[in-house]
């Protein structure tokens, strides 16, 4: 997984 894809995935499940 690319870093951008991983970040987007985390963003959808975790609110920063």
PDB file of N, CA and C in Angstrom:
ATOM      1  N   UNK A   1       0.838  -1.210   0.000  1.00  0.00           N
ATOM      2  CA  UNK A   1       0.000   0.000   0.000  1.00  0.00           C
ATOM      3  C   UNK A   1       0.868   1.254   0.000  1.00  0.00           C
ATOM      4  N   UNK A   2       0.432   2.225  -0.732  1.00  0.00           N
ATOM      5  CA  UNK A   2       1.184   3.481  -0.769  1.00  0.00           C
ATOM      6  C   UNK A   2       0.875   4.292   0.484  1.00  0.00           C
ATOM      7  N   UNK A   3       1.744   5.198   0.813  1.00  0.00           N
ATOM      8  CA  UNK A   3       1.560   6.016   2.006  1.00  0.00           C
ATOM      9  C   UNK A   3       0.285   6.845   1.901  1.00  0.00           C
ATOM     10  N   UNK A   4       0.003   7.379   0.709  1.00  0.00           N
ATOM     11  CA  UNK A   4      -1.196   8.198   0.510  1.00  0.00           C
ATOM     12  C   UNK A   4      -2.451   7.372   0.697  1.00  0.00           C
ATOM     13  N   UNK A   5      -2.427   6.149   0.163  1.00  0.00           N
ATOM     14  CA  UNK A   5      -3.598   5.277   0.277  1.00  0.00           C
ATOM     15  C   UNK A   5      -3.826   4.903   1.735  1.00  0.00           C
ATOM     16  N   UNK A   6      -2.748   4.594   2.437  1.00  0.00           N
ATOM     17  CA  UNK A   6      -2.843   4.215   3.840  1.00  0.00           C
ATOM     18  C   UNK A   6      -3.378   5.376   4.668  1.00  0.00           C
ATOM     19  N   UNK A   7      -2.929   6.588   4.383  1.00  0.00           N
ATOM     20  CA  UNK A   7      -3.375   7.770   5.106  1.00  0.00           C
ATOM     21  C   UNK A   7      -4.868   8.011   4.884  1.00  0.00           C
ATOM     22  N   UNK A   8      -5.311   7.840   3.645  1.00  0.00           N
ATOM     23  CA  UNK A   8      -6.726   8.023   3.315  1.00  0.00           C
ATOM     24  C   UNK A   8      -7.569   6.993   4.047  1.00  0.00           C
ATOM     25  N   UNK A   9      -7.062   5.758   4.125  1.00  0.00           N
ATOM     26  CA  UNK A   9      -7.783   4.688   4.811  1.00  0.00           C
ATOM     27  C   UNK A   9      -7.927   5.010   6.293  1.00  0.00           C
ATOM     28  N   UNK A  10      -6.848   5.484   6.893  1.00  0.00           N
ATOM     29  CA  UNK A  10      -6.883   5.819   8.316  1.00  0.00           C
ATOM     30  C   UNK A  10      -7.796   7.019   8.557  1.00  0.00           C
ATOM     31  N   UNK A  11      -7.768   7.973   7.632  1.00  0.00           N
ATOM     32  CA  UNK A  11      -8.596   9.169   7.777  1.00  0.00           C
ATOM     33  C   UNK A  11     -10.070   8.816   7.766  1.00  0.00           C
ATOM     34  N   UNK A  12     -10.441   7.812   6.959  1.00  0.00           N
ATOM     35  CA  UNK A  12     -11.850   7.441   6.892  1.00  0.00           C
ATOM     36  C   UNK A  12     -12.323   6.780   8.163  1.00  0.00           C
ATOM     37  N   UNK A  13     -11.423   6.149   8.921  1.00  0.00           N
ATOM     38  CA  UNK A  13     -11.826   5.433  10.131  1.00  0.00           C
ATOM     39  C   UNK A  13     -11.430   6.175  11.402  1.00  0.00           C
ATOM     40  N   UNK A  14     -10.502   7.104  11.281  1.00  0.00           N
ATOM     41  CA  UNK A  14     -10.042   7.831  12.462  1.00  0.00           C
ATOM     42  C   UNK A  14     -10.140   9.330  12.214  1.00  0.00           C
ATOM     43  N   UNK A  15     -10.762  10.039  13.147  1.00  0.00           N
ATOM     44  CA  UNK A  15     -10.865  11.486  13.000  1.00  0.00           C
ATOM     45  C   UNK A  15      -9.728  12.142  13.756  1.00  0.00           C
ATOM     46  N   UNK A  16      -8.920  12.923  13.029  1.00  0.00           N
ATOM     47  CA  UNK A  16      -7.786  13.576  13.675  1.00  0.00           C
ATOM     48  C   UNK A  16      -8.186  14.971  14.151  1.00  0.00           C
TER      49      UNK A  16
END
